[in-house]
Amino acid sequence: TVNVYGTDPATGAALRPLDNTGVQYGLGALNDGTIDKR
């Protein structure tokens, strides 16, 4: 779908609307006690 997204000038690969920055994996499991802090 590169016609919509365009390309990365460094690699030529398509740019991506893909992200997991800031995502706290397992937050719900921590808060309900299924996993511990460590």
All heavy atoms as atom14 arrays in JSON, in Angstrom:
{
  "sequence": "TVNVYGTDPATGAALRPLDNTGVQYGLGALNDGTIDKR",
  "atom14_mask": [
    [1, 1, 1, 1, 1, 1, 1, 0, 0, 0, 0, 0, 0, 0],
    [1, 1, 1, 1, 1, 1, 1, 0, 0, 0, 0, 0, 0, 0],
    [1, 1, 1, 1, 1, 1, 1, 1, 0, 0, 0, 0, 0, 0],
    [1, 1, 1, 1, 1, 1, 1, 0, 0, 0, 0, 0, 0, 0],
    [1, 1, 1, 1, 1, 1, 1, 1, 1, 1, 1, 1, 0, 0],
    [1, 1, 1, 1, 0, 0, 0, 0, 0, 0, 0, 0, 0, 0],
    [1, 1, 1, 1, 1, 1, 1, 0, 0, 0, 0, 0, 0, 0],
    [1, 1, 1, 1, 1, 1, 1, 1, 0, 0, 0, 0, 0, 0],
    [1, 1, 1, 1, 1, 1, 1, 0, 0, 0, 0, 0, 0, 0],
    [1, 1, 1, 1, 1, 0, 0, 0, 0, 0, 0, 0, 0, 0],
    [1, 1, 1, 1, 1, 1, 1, 0, 0, 0, 0, 0, 0, 0],
    [1, 1, 1, 1, 0, 0, 0, 0, 0, 0, 0, 0, 0, 0],
    [1, 1, 1, 1, 1, 0, 0, 0, 0, 0, 0, 0, 0, 0],
    [1, 1, 1, 1, 1, 0, 0, 0, 0, 0, 0, 0, 0, 0],
    [1, 1, 1, 1, 1, 1, 1, 1, 0, 0, 0, 0, 0, 0],
    [1, 1, 1, 1, 1, 1, 1, 1, 1, 1, 1, 0, 0, 0],
    [1, 1, 1, 1, 1, 1, 1, 0, 0, 0, 0, 0, 0, 0],
    [1, 1, 1, 1, 1, 1, 1, 1, 0, 0, 0, 0, 0, 0],
    [1, 1, 1, 1, 1, 1, 1, 1, 0, 0, 0, 0, 0, 0],
    [1, 1, 1, 1, 1, 1, 1, 1, 0, 0, 0, 0, 0, 0],
    [1, 1, 1, 1, 1, 1, 1, 0, 0, 0, 0, 0, 0, 0],
    [1, 1, 1, 1, 0, 0, 0, 0, 0, 0, 0, 0, 0, 0],
    [1, 1, 1, 1, 1, 1, 1, 0, 0, 0, 0, 0, 0, 0],
    [1, 1, 1, 1, 1, 1, 1, 1, 1, 0, 0, 0, 0, 0],
    [1, 1, 1, 1, 1, 1, 1, 1, 1, 1, 1, 1, 0, 0],
    [1, 1, 1, 1, 0, 0, 0, 0, 0, 0, 0, 0, 0, 0],
    [1, 1, 1, 1, 1, 1, 1, 1, 0, 0, 0, 0, 0, 0],
    [1, 1, 1, 1, 0, 0, 0, 0, 0, 0, 0, 0, 0, 0],
    [1, 1, 1, 1, 1, 0, 0, 0, 0, 0, 0, 0, 0, 0],
    [1, 1, 1, 1, 1, 1, 1, 1, 0, 0, 0, 0, 0, 0],
    [1, 1, 1, 1, 1, 1, 1, 1, 0, 0, 0, 0, 0, 0],
    [1, 1, 1, 1, 1, 1, 1, 1, 0, 0, 0, 0, 0, 0],
    [1, 1, 1, 1, 0, 0, 0, 0, 0, 0, 0, 0, 0, 0],
    [1, 1, 1, 1, 1, 1, 1, 0, 0, 0, 0, 0, 0, 0],
    [1, 1, 1, 1, 1, 1, 1, 1, 0, 0, 0, 0, 0, 0],
    [1, 1, 1, 1, 1, 1, 1, 1, 0, 0, 0, 0, 0, 0],
    [1, 1, 1, 1, 1, 1, 1, 1, 1, 0, 0, 0, 0, 0],
    [1, 1, 1, 1, 1, 1, 1, 1, 1, 1, 1, 0, 0, 0]
  ],
  "atom14_positions": [
    [[0.84, -1.2, 0.0], [0.0, 0.0, 0.0], [0.88, 1.25, 0.0], [0.51, 2.3, 0.52], [-0.95, -0.02, 1.23], [-1.51, -1.34, 1.36], [-2.11, 0.95, 1.06], [0.0, 0.0, 0.0], [0.0, 0.0, 0.0], [0.0, 0.0, 0.0], [0.0, 0.0, 0.0], [0.0, 0.0, 0.0], [0.0, 0.0, 0.0], [0.0, 0.0, 0.0]],
    [[2.06, 1.14, -0.6], [3.05, 2.22, -0.55], [2.54, 3.48, -1.24], [3.0, 4.59, -0.92], [4.39, 1.75, -1.16], [4.27, 1.56, -2.67], [5.52, 2.69, -0.81], [0.0, 0.0, 0.0], [0.0, 0.0, 0.0], [0.0, 0.0, 0.0], [0.0, 0.0, 0.0], [0.0, 0.0, 0.0], [0.0, 0.0, 0.0], [0.0, 0.0, 0.0]],
    [[1.6, 3.37, -2.17], [1.05, 4.56, -2.81], [0.44, 5.51, -1.79], [0.43, 6.73, -1.99], [-0.01, 4.18, -3.83], [0.58, 3.63, -5.1], [1.78, 3.65, -5.31], [-0.27, 3.09, -5.97], [0.0, 0.0, 0.0], [0.0, 0.0, 0.0], [0.0, 0.0, 0.0], [0.0, 0.0, 0.0], [0.0, 0.0, 0.0], [0.0, 0.0, 0.0]],
    [[-0.09, 4.96, -0.72], [-0.69, 5.79, 0.34], [0.36, 6.21, 1.35], [0.42, 7.38, 1.76], [-1.83, 5.02, 1.05], [-2.34, 5.82, 2.25], [-2.95, 4.71, 0.1], [0.0, 0.0, 0.0], [0.0, 0.0, 0.0], [0.0, 0.0, 0.0], [0.0, 0.0, 0.0], [0.0, 0.0, 0.0], [0.0, 0.0, 0.0], [0.0, 0.0, 0.0]],
    [[1.23, 5.29, 1.75], [2.11, 5.54, 2.89], [3.42, 6.21, 2.52], [4.05, 6.84, 3.37], [2.4, 4.21, 3.61], [1.18, 3.59, 4.22], [0.92, 2.23, 4.08], [0.26, 4.36, 4.94], [-0.21, 1.65, 4.64], [-0.87, 3.78, 5.49], [-1.1, 2.43, 5.34], [-2.21, 1.86, 5.89], [0.0, 0.0, 0.0], [0.0, 0.0, 0.0]],
    [[3.91, 6.07, 1.3], [5.22, 6.6, 0.95], [6.34, 5.72, 1.46], [6.11, 4.65, 2.01], [0.0, 0.0, 0.0], [0.0, 0.0, 0.0], [0.0, 0.0, 0.0], [0.0, 0.0, 0.0], [0.0, 0.0, 0.0], [0.0, 0.0, 0.0], [0.0, 0.0, 0.0], [0.0, 0.0, 0.0], [0.0, 0.0, 0.0], [0.0, 0.0, 0.0]],
    [[7.58, 6.17, 1.27], [8.73, 5.34, 1.59], [9.7, 6.03, 2.54], [9.78, 7.26, 2.6], [9.49, 4.94, 0.31], [9.86, 6.14, -0.39], [8.64, 4.08, -0.59], [0.0, 0.0, 0.0], [0.0, 0.0, 0.0], [0.0, 0.0, 0.0], [0.0, 0.0, 0.0], [0.0, 0.0, 0.0], [0.0, 0.0, 0.0], [0.0, 0.0, 0.0]],
    [[10.45, 5.21, 3.24], [11.51, 5.67, 4.13], [12.72, 6.06, 3.27], [13.23, 5.24, 2.51], [11.87, 4.53, 5.09], [13.06, 4.87, 5.96], [13.32, 6.05, 6.19], [13.75, 3.92, 6.41], [0.0, 0.0, 0.0], [0.0, 0.0, 0.0], [0.0, 0.0, 0.0], [0.0, 0.0, 0.0], [0.0, 0.0, 0.0], [0.0, 0.0, 0.0]],
    [[13.2, 7.29, 3.38], [14.32, 7.7, 2.52], [15.59, 6.93, 2.77], [16.44, 6.82, 1.87], [14.49, 9.19, 2.87], [13.85, 9.36, 4.2], [12.73, 8.38, 4.25], [0.0, 0.0, 0.0], [0.0, 0.0, 0.0], [0.0, 0.0, 0.0], [0.0, 0.0, 0.0], [0.0, 0.0, 0.0], [0.0, 0.0, 0.0], [0.0, 0.0, 0.0]],
    [[15.76, 6.35, 3.95], [16.99, 5.63, 4.26], [17.0, 4.22, 3.69], [18.04, 3.72, 3.25], [17.2, 5.58, 5.77], [0.0, 0.0, 0.0], [0.0, 0.0, 0.0], [0.0, 0.0, 0.0], [0.0, 0.0, 0.0], [0.0, 0.0, 0.0], [0.0, 0.0, 0.0], [0.0, 0.0, 0.0], [0.0, 0.0, 0.0], [0.0, 0.0, 0.0]],
    [[15.83, 3.57, 3.68], [15.79, 2.15, 3.29], [14.98, 1.88, 2.03], [15.12, 0.8, 1.45], [15.18, 1.32, 4.43], [13.8, 1.68, 4.58], [15.93, 1.54, 5.74], [0.0, 0.0, 0.0], [0.0, 0.0, 0.0], [0.0, 0.0, 0.0], [0.0, 0.0, 0.0], [0.0, 0.0, 0.0], [0.0, 0.0, 0.0], [0.0, 0.0, 0.0]],
    [[14.13, 2.81, 1.63], [13.22, 2.55, 0.51], [12.01, 1.74, 0.88], [11.14, 1.5, 0.06], [0.0, 0.0, 0.0], [0.0, 0.0, 0.0], [0.0, 0.0, 0.0], [0.0, 0.0, 0.0], [0.0, 0.0, 0.0], [0.0, 0.0, 0.0], [0.0, 0.0, 0.0], [0.0, 0.0, 0.0], [0.0, 0.0, 0.0], [0.0, 0.0, 0.0]],
    [[11.94, 1.29, 2.13], [10.79, 0.52, 2.6], [9.6, 1.45, 2.83], [9.76, 2.66, 3.06], [11.14, -0.21, 3.89], [0.0, 0.0, 0.0], [0.0, 0.0, 0.0], [0.0, 0.0, 0.0], [0.0, 0.0, 0.0], [0.0, 0.0, 0.0], [0.0, 0.0, 0.0], [0.0, 0.0, 0.0], [0.0, 0.0, 0.0], [0.0, 0.0, 0.0]],
    [[8.41, 0.88, 2.79], [7.22, 1.68, 3.04], [7.21, 2.2, 4.47], [7.63, 1.51, 5.41], [5.97, 0.84, 2.79], [0.0, 0.0, 0.0], [0.0, 0.0, 0.0], [0.0, 0.0, 0.0], [0.0, 0.0, 0.0], [0.0, 0.0, 0.0], [0.0, 0.0, 0.0], [0.0, 0.0, 0.0], [0.0, 0.0, 0.0], [0.0, 0.0, 0.0]],
    [[6.73, 3.42, 4.63], [6.49, 3.95, 5.96], [5.32, 3.18, 6.6], [4.46, 2.65, 5.9], [6.18, 5.44, 5.88], [7.3, 6.3, 5.28], [6.82, 7.74, 5.09], [8.54, 6.27, 6.15], [0.0, 0.0, 0.0], [0.0, 0.0, 0.0], [0.0, 0.0, 0.0], [0.0, 0.0, 0.0], [0.0, 0.0, 0.0], [0.0, 0.0, 0.0]],
    [[5.3, 3.17, 7.95], [4.34, 2.3, 8.63], [3.55, 3.04, 9.71], [4.15, 3.72, 10.56], [5.06, 1.13, 9.31], [5.85, 0.23, 8.41], [6.52, -0.89, 9.19], [7.38, -0.4, 10.26], [8.04, -1.18, 11.11], [7.91, -2.49, 11.04], [8.8, -0.65, 12.04], [0.0, 0.0, 0.0], [0.0, 0.0, 0.0], [0.0, 0.0, 0.0]],
    [[2.24, 2.88, 9.73], [1.44, 3.29, 10.89], [1.41, 2.14, 11.9], [0.39, 1.46, 12.07], [0.07, 3.56, 10.27], [0.0, 2.61, 9.11], [1.4, 2.44, 8.61], [0.0, 0.0, 0.0], [0.0, 0.0, 0.0], [0.0, 0.0, 0.0], [0.0, 0.0, 0.0], [0.0, 0.0, 0.0], [0.0, 0.0, 0.0], [0.0, 0.0, 0.0]],
    [[2.53, 1.9, 12.56], [2.7, 0.75, 13.46], [3.5, 1.2, 14.66], [4.58, 1.8, 14.49], [3.43, -0.38, 12.73], [3.51, -1.73, 13.44], [2.12, -2.37, 13.53], [4.48, -2.66, 12.73], [0.0, 0.0, 0.0], [0.0, 0.0, 0.0], [0.0, 0.0, 0.0], [0.0, 0.0, 0.0], [0.0, 0.0, 0.0], [0.0, 0.0, 0.0]],
    [[3.02, 0.92, 15.86], [3.63, 1.52, 17.05], [3.3, 0.7, 18.29], [2.19, 0.17, 18.42], [3.07, 2.94, 17.22], [3.88, 3.81, 18.16], [3.87, 3.54, 19.38], [4.5, 4.77, 17.68], [0.0, 0.0, 0.0], [0.0, 0.0, 0.0], [0.0, 0.0, 0.0], [0.0, 0.0, 0.0], [0.0, 0.0, 0.0], [0.0, 0.0, 0.0]],
    [[4.28, 0.58, 19.2], [3.98, 0.07, 20.54], [4.72, 0.88, 21.61], [4.9, 0.41, 22.73], [4.28, -1.42, 20.66], [5.77, -1.75, 20.62], [6.59, -0.95, 20.14], [6.14, -2.94, 21.1], [0.0, 0.0, 0.0], [0.0, 0.0, 0.0], [0.0, 0.0, 0.0], [0.0, 0.0, 0.0], [0.0, 0.0, 0.0], [0.0, 0.0, 0.0]],
    [[5.11, 2.11, 21.25], [5.81, 2.97, 22.19], [4.84, 3.39, 23.31], [3.73, 3.85, 23.04], [6.35, 4.22, 21.48], [7.15, 3.8, 20.37], [7.18, 5.08, 22.41], [0.0, 0.0, 0.0], [0.0, 0.0, 0.0], [0.0, 0.0, 0.0], [0.0, 0.0, 0.0], [0.0, 0.0, 0.0], [0.0, 0.0, 0.0], [0.0, 0.0, 0.0]],
    [[5.25, 3.23, 24.54], [4.43, 3.63, 25.67], [3.43, 2.6, 26.13], [2.75, 2.8, 27.15], [0.0, 0.0, 0.0], [0.0, 0.0, 0.0], [0.0, 0.0, 0.0], [0.0, 0.0, 0.0], [0.0, 0.0, 0.0], [0.0, 0.0, 0.0], [0.0, 0.0, 0.0], [0.0, 0.0, 0.0], [0.0, 0.0, 0.0], [0.0, 0.0, 0.0]],
    [[3.31, 1.49, 25.41], [2.34, 0.44, 25.77], [2.87, -0.34, 26.97], [3.97, -0.89, 26.93], [2.1, -0.51, 24.58], [1.19, -1.66, 25.0], [1.49, 0.26, 23.41], [0.0, 0.0, 0.0], [0.0, 0.0, 0.0], [0.0, 0.0, 0.0], [0.0, 0.0, 0.0], [0.0, 0.0, 0.0], [0.0, 0.0, 0.0], [0.0, 0.0, 0.0]],
    [[2.08, -0.4, 28.03], [2.45, -1.15, 29.24], [1.85, -2.55, 29.16], [0.74, -2.8, 29.62], [1.95, -0.43, 30.49], [2.53, 0.97, 30.67], [2.1, 1.58, 31.98], [2.68, 1.33, 33.04], [1.06, 2.39, 31.92], [0.0, 0.0, 0.0], [0.0, 0.0, 0.0], [0.0, 0.0, 0.0], [0.0, 0.0, 0.0], [0.0, 0.0, 0.0]],
    [[2.6, -3.45, 28.55], [2.11, -4.82, 28.4], [1.86, -5.46, 29.77], [2.66, -5.33, 30.7], [3.12, -5.66, 27.62], [3.2, -5.27, 26.16], [4.34, -4.65, 25.65], [2.14, -5.53, 25.3], [4.43, -4.29, 24.3], [2.21, -5.18, 23.96], [3.36, -4.57, 23.47], [3.42, -4.21, 22.14], [0.0, 0.0, 0.0], [0.0, 0.0, 0.0]],
    [[0.7, -6.11, 29.87], [0.36, -6.81, 31.11], [-0.15, -5.92, 32.22], [-0.27, -6.39, 33.36], [0.0, 0.0, 0.0], [0.0, 0.0, 0.0], [0.0, 0.0, 0.0], [0.0, 0.0, 0.0], [0.0, 0.0, 0.0], [0.0, 0.0, 0.0], [0.0, 0.0, 0.0], [0.0, 0.0, 0.0], [0.0, 0.0, 0.0], [0.0, 0.0, 0.0]],
    [[-0.52, -4.67, 31.92], [-0.97, -3.76, 32.98], [-2.18, -4.31, 33.71], [-2.23, -4.29, 34.95], [-1.29, -2.39, 32.38], [-1.83, -1.33, 33.34], [-0.81, -1.03, 34.44], [-2.22, -0.06, 32.59], [0.0, 0.0, 0.0], [0.0, 0.0, 0.0], [0.0, 0.0, 0.0], [0.0, 0.0, 0.0], [0.0, 0.0, 0.0], [0.0, 0.0, 0.0]],
    [[-3.15, -4.81, 32.98], [-4.33, -5.37, 33.63], [-4.0, -6.58, 34.47], [-4.56, -6.77, 35.56], [0.0, 0.0, 0.0], [0.0, 0.0, 0.0], [0.0, 0.0, 0.0], [0.0, 0.0, 0.0], [0.0, 0.0, 0.0], [0.0, 0.0, 0.0], [0.0, 0.0, 0.0], [0.0, 0.0, 0.0], [0.0, 0.0, 0.0], [0.0, 0.0, 0.0]],
    [[-3.08, -7.42, 33.97], [-2.67, -8.61, 34.74], [-1.91, -8.22, 36.0], [-2.0, -8.91, 37.03], [-1.81, -9.51, 33.86], [0.0, 0.0, 0.0], [0.0, 0.0, 0.0], [0.0, 0.0, 0.0], [0.0, 0.0, 0.0], [0.0, 0.0, 0.0], [0.0, 0.0, 0.0], [0.0, 0.0, 0.0], [0.0, 0.0, 0.0], [0.0, 0.0, 0.0]],
    [[-1.16, -7.13, 35.95], [-0.49, -6.62, 37.15], [-1.52, -6.13, 38.16], [-1.46, -6.48, 39.35], [0.46, -5.49, 36.77], [1.06, -4.71, 37.95], [2.09, -5.57, 38.69], [1.69, -3.4, 37.47], [0.0, 0.0, 0.0], [0.0, 0.0, 0.0], [0.0, 0.0, 0.0], [0.0, 0.0, 0.0], [0.0, 0.0, 0.0], [0.0, 0.0, 0.0]],
    [[-2.45, -5.34, 37.69], [-3.41, -4.72, 38.61], [-4.37, -5.74, 39.24], [-4.87, -5.5, 40.34], [-4.2, -3.64, 37.88], [-3.39, -2.37, 37.68], [-2.44, -2.1, 38.44], [-3.74, -1.58, 36.68], [0.0, 0.0, 0.0], [0.0, 0.0, 0.0], [0.0, 0.0, 0.0], [0.0, 0.0, 0.0], [0.0, 0.0, 0.0], [0.0, 0.0, 0.0]],
    [[-4.61, -6.86, 38.55], [-5.5, -7.85, 39.17], [-4.72, -8.95, 39.91], [-5.3, -9.92, 40.39], [-6.45, -8.47, 38.14], [-5.76, -9.35, 37.1], [-4.6, -9.76, 37.3], [-6.39, -9.62, 36.05], [0.0, 0.0, 0.0], [0.0, 0.0, 0.0], [0.0, 0.0, 0.0], [0.0, 0.0, 0.0], [0.0, 0.0, 0.0], [0.0, 0.0, 0.0]],
    [[-3.4, -8.8, 39.97], [-2.59, -9.71, 40.77], [-2.14, -10.98, 40.08], [-1.55, -11.86, 40.72], [0.0, 0.0, 0.0], [0.0, 0.0, 0.0], [0.0, 0.0, 0.0], [0.0, 0.0, 0.0], [0.0, 0.0, 0.0], [0.0, 0.0, 0.0], [0.0, 0.0, 0.0], [0.0, 0.0, 0.0], [0.0, 0.0, 0.0], [0.0, 0.0, 0.0]],
    [[-2.39, -11.09, 38.76], [-1.99, -12.31, 38.06], [-0.48, -12.37, 37.86], [0.11, -13.45, 37.9], [-2.71, -12.4, 36.7], [-4.12, -12.35, 36.91], [-2.36, -13.69, 35.98], [0.0, 0.0, 0.0], [0.0, 0.0, 0.0], [0.0, 0.0, 0.0], [0.0, 0.0, 0.0], [0.0, 0.0, 0.0], [0.0, 0.0, 0.0], [0.0, 0.0, 0.0]],
    [[0.15, -11.25, 37.63], [1.61, -11.19, 37.56], [2.1, -10.22, 38.63], [1.33, -9.36, 39.1], [2.13, -10.77, 36.17], [1.69, -9.34, 35.82], [1.67, -11.76, 35.1], [2.31, -8.8, 34.53], [0.0, 0.0, 0.0], [0.0, 0.0, 0.0], [0.0, 0.0, 0.0], [0.0, 0.0, 0.0], [0.0, 0.0, 0.0], [0.0, 0.0, 0.0]],
    [[3.37, -10.34, 39.0], [3.89, -9.45, 40.04], [4.68, -8.29, 39.43], [4.87, -8.21, 38.2], [4.73, -10.22, 41.06], [5.97, -10.89, 40.45], [6.54, -10.35, 39.47], [6.36, -11.96, 40.96], [0.0, 0.0, 0.0], [0.0, 0.0, 0.0], [0.0, 0.0, 0.0], [0.0, 0.0, 0.0], [0.0, 0.0, 0.0], [0.0, 0.0, 0.0]],
    [[5.16, -7.42, 40.3], [5.84, -6.21, 39.83], [7.1, -6.55, 39.05], [7.4, -5.92, 38.03], [6.17, -5.32, 41.03], [4.96, -4.72, 41.71], [5.37, -3.75, 42.81], [6.04, -4.49, 43.98], [6.43, -3.55, 45.06], [0.0, 0.0, 0.0], [0.0, 0.0, 0.0], [0.0, 0.0, 0.0], [0.0, 0.0, 0.0], [0.0, 0.0, 0.0]],
    [[7.88, -7.51, 39.53], [9.13, -7.85, 38.85], [8.86, -8.36, 37.44], [9.54, -8.01, 36.48], [9.89, -8.88, 39.68], [11.18, -9.44, 39.09], [12.08, -8.39, 38.42], [12.3, -7.2, 39.23], [12.74, -6.05, 38.73], [12.98, -5.92, 37.43], [12.9, -5.01, 39.52], [0.0, 0.0, 0.0], [0.0, 0.0, 0.0], [0.0, 0.0, 0.0]]
  ]
}
